[in-house]
């Protein structure tokens, strides 16, 4: 049965060893599931290890922005990887946050954050 005519007919999704299925995620189970990013989502980098969702939400809410969701990436031990994603109410809000953070900077827990529009 090797070399059959149904190259894509027999799914073998079990382990995904070394395969490139087009999905990127961390190696831990369930800590981050890759999904297409919304246009109103920004990437936030250089987070301190003590920065949590509430602190990040507070920092952006202080800019009078409608923060809808905050996701901080965690490693297998549950510690911050130093990055995350923040979703705002509109794409325009996200762009304003990026522009403001790049021109004036935003510091949370002593770290100046890297703020960019998330890649789609």
Protein backbone atom coordinates (compact mmCIF):
# COMPACT_ATOMS: atom_id res chain seq x y z
CA UNK A 1 0.00 0.00 0.00
CA UNK A 2 2.91 2.37 -0.26
CA UNK A 3 2.81 4.98 -2.99
CA UNK A 4 -0.97 4.75 -3.42
CA UNK A 5 -2.93 7.23 -5.46
CA UNK A 6 -4.48 8.89 -2.41
CA UNK A 7 -1.50 10.82 -1.09
CA UNK A 8 -3.77 13.05 0.98
CA UNK A 9 -6.50 10.48 1.55
CA UNK A 10 -5.09 8.85 4.66
CA UNK A 11 -4.84 11.39 7.45
CA UNK A 12 -2.20 10.64 10.03
CA UNK A 13 -2.38 13.62 12.34
CA UNK A 14 -1.37 11.71 15.46
CA UNK A 15 2.07 12.99 16.33
CA UNK A 16 2.88 15.55 13.70
CA UNK A 17 6.55 14.63 14.04
CA UNK A 18 8.57 17.21 12.21
CA UNK A 19 5.68 17.92 9.88
CA UNK A 20 4.77 21.38 8.80
CA UNK A 21 1.03 21.50 9.16
CA UNK A 22 0.99 25.31 9.00
CA UNK A 23 0.21 25.76 12.67
CA UNK A 24 2.73 27.20 15.04
CA UNK A 25 2.34 26.84 18.75
CA UNK A 26 4.46 26.29 21.78
CA UNK A 27 5.57 22.78 22.54
CA UNK A 28 3.50 22.55 25.70
CA UNK A 29 0.03 21.17 25.55
CA UNK A 30 -2.64 23.82 25.65
CA UNK A 31 -0.54 26.81 26.70
CA UNK A 32 -1.03 28.60 23.38
CA UNK A 33 -3.11 27.63 20.40
CA UNK A 34 -2.26 29.46 17.20
CA UNK A 35 -5.25 31.18 15.64
CA UNK A 36 -5.40 33.89 13.02
CA UNK A 37 -4.90 37.25 14.67
CA UNK A 38 -7.59 39.86 14.42
CA UNK A 39 -6.73 43.25 12.90
CA UNK A 40 -7.38 44.83 16.29
CA UNK A 41 -4.70 42.78 18.08
CA UNK A 42 -1.23 43.98 19.02
CA UNK A 43 1.87 42.03 19.97
CA UNK A 44 3.47 43.13 23.22
CA UNK A 45 7.05 42.13 23.95
CA UNK A 46 9.65 42.69 26.68
CA UNK A 47 7.17 41.91 29.46
CA UNK A 48 8.64 41.48 32.90
CA UNK A 49 8.29 38.13 34.63
CA UNK A 50 5.96 39.69 37.19
CA UNK A 51 3.66 41.33 34.62
CA UNK A 52 0.24 39.72 34.65
CA UNK A 53 -3.00 40.21 32.73
CA UNK A 54 -4.32 42.76 35.19
CA UNK A 55 -1.18 44.90 34.99
CA UNK A 56 -1.13 44.84 31.21
CA UNK A 57 -4.87 45.57 31.01
CA UNK A 58 -4.45 48.47 33.41
CA UNK A 59 -1.56 49.96 31.40
CA UNK A 60 -3.56 50.02 28.17
CA UNK A 61 -6.82 51.04 29.84
CA UNK A 62 -4.93 54.02 31.23
CA UNK A 63 -4.54 55.15 27.61
CA UNK A 64 -8.35 55.28 27.37
CA UNK A 65 -8.46 52.26 25.07
CA UNK A 66 -11.12 49.55 25.00
CA UNK A 67 -9.12 46.45 26.01
CA UNK A 68 -11.10 43.35 25.06
CA UNK A 69 -8.66 40.52 25.74
CA UNK A 70 -5.15 40.03 27.10
CA UNK A 71 -3.16 36.85 26.53
CA UNK A 72 0.31 36.48 28.04
CA UNK A 73 2.33 33.61 26.59
CA UNK A 74 3.45 31.09 29.20
CA UNK A 75 6.08 28.37 29.15
CA UNK A 76 5.63 24.78 30.34
CA UNK A 77 6.15 25.83 33.97
CA UNK A 78 3.48 28.55 33.76
CA UNK A 79 5.98 31.43 33.72
CA UNK A 80 5.76 34.33 31.30
CA UNK A 81 7.70 34.03 28.06
CA UNK A 82 7.97 37.83 28.08
CA UNK A 83 5.40 38.41 25.34
CA UNK A 84 1.71 38.45 24.73
CA UNK A 85 -1.18 39.78 22.70
CA UNK A 86 -3.74 42.46 23.52
CA UNK A 87 -7.00 42.76 21.58
CA UNK A 88 -8.76 46.12 21.38
CA UNK A 89 -12.28 47.11 20.38
CA UNK A 90 -11.38 48.29 16.88
CA UNK A 91 -8.44 48.13 14.46
CA UNK A 92 -8.19 51.91 14.78
CA UNK A 93 -7.69 51.60 18.56
CA UNK A 94 -4.94 49.04 17.98
CA UNK A 95 -3.17 51.32 15.50
CA UNK A 96 -3.45 54.31 17.89
CA UNK A 97 -1.91 52.23 20.69
CA UNK A 98 0.99 51.18 18.47
CA UNK A 99 1.58 54.74 17.28
CA UNK A 100 1.45 56.15 20.81
CA UNK A 101 3.68 53.45 22.30
CA UNK A 102 6.26 53.82 19.55
CA UNK A 103 6.39 57.59 19.85
CA UNK A 104 6.10 58.00 23.63
CA UNK A 105 6.92 54.55 24.96
CA UNK A 106 5.05 52.46 27.51
CA UNK A 107 6.70 51.09 30.63
CA UNK A 108 5.10 48.36 32.73
CA UNK A 109 6.78 46.90 35.84
CA UNK A 110 10.01 48.69 34.92
CA UNK A 111 10.23 47.34 31.37
CA UNK A 112 9.74 49.46 28.27
CA UNK A 113 7.37 47.42 26.12
CA UNK A 114 7.69 46.58 22.46
CA UNK A 115 4.26 47.16 20.88
CA UNK A 116 3.49 46.24 17.26
CA UNK A 117 0.46 45.23 15.25
CA UNK A 118 0.17 41.46 15.42
CA UNK A 119 0.92 39.59 12.23
CA UNK A 120 -2.11 38.11 10.57
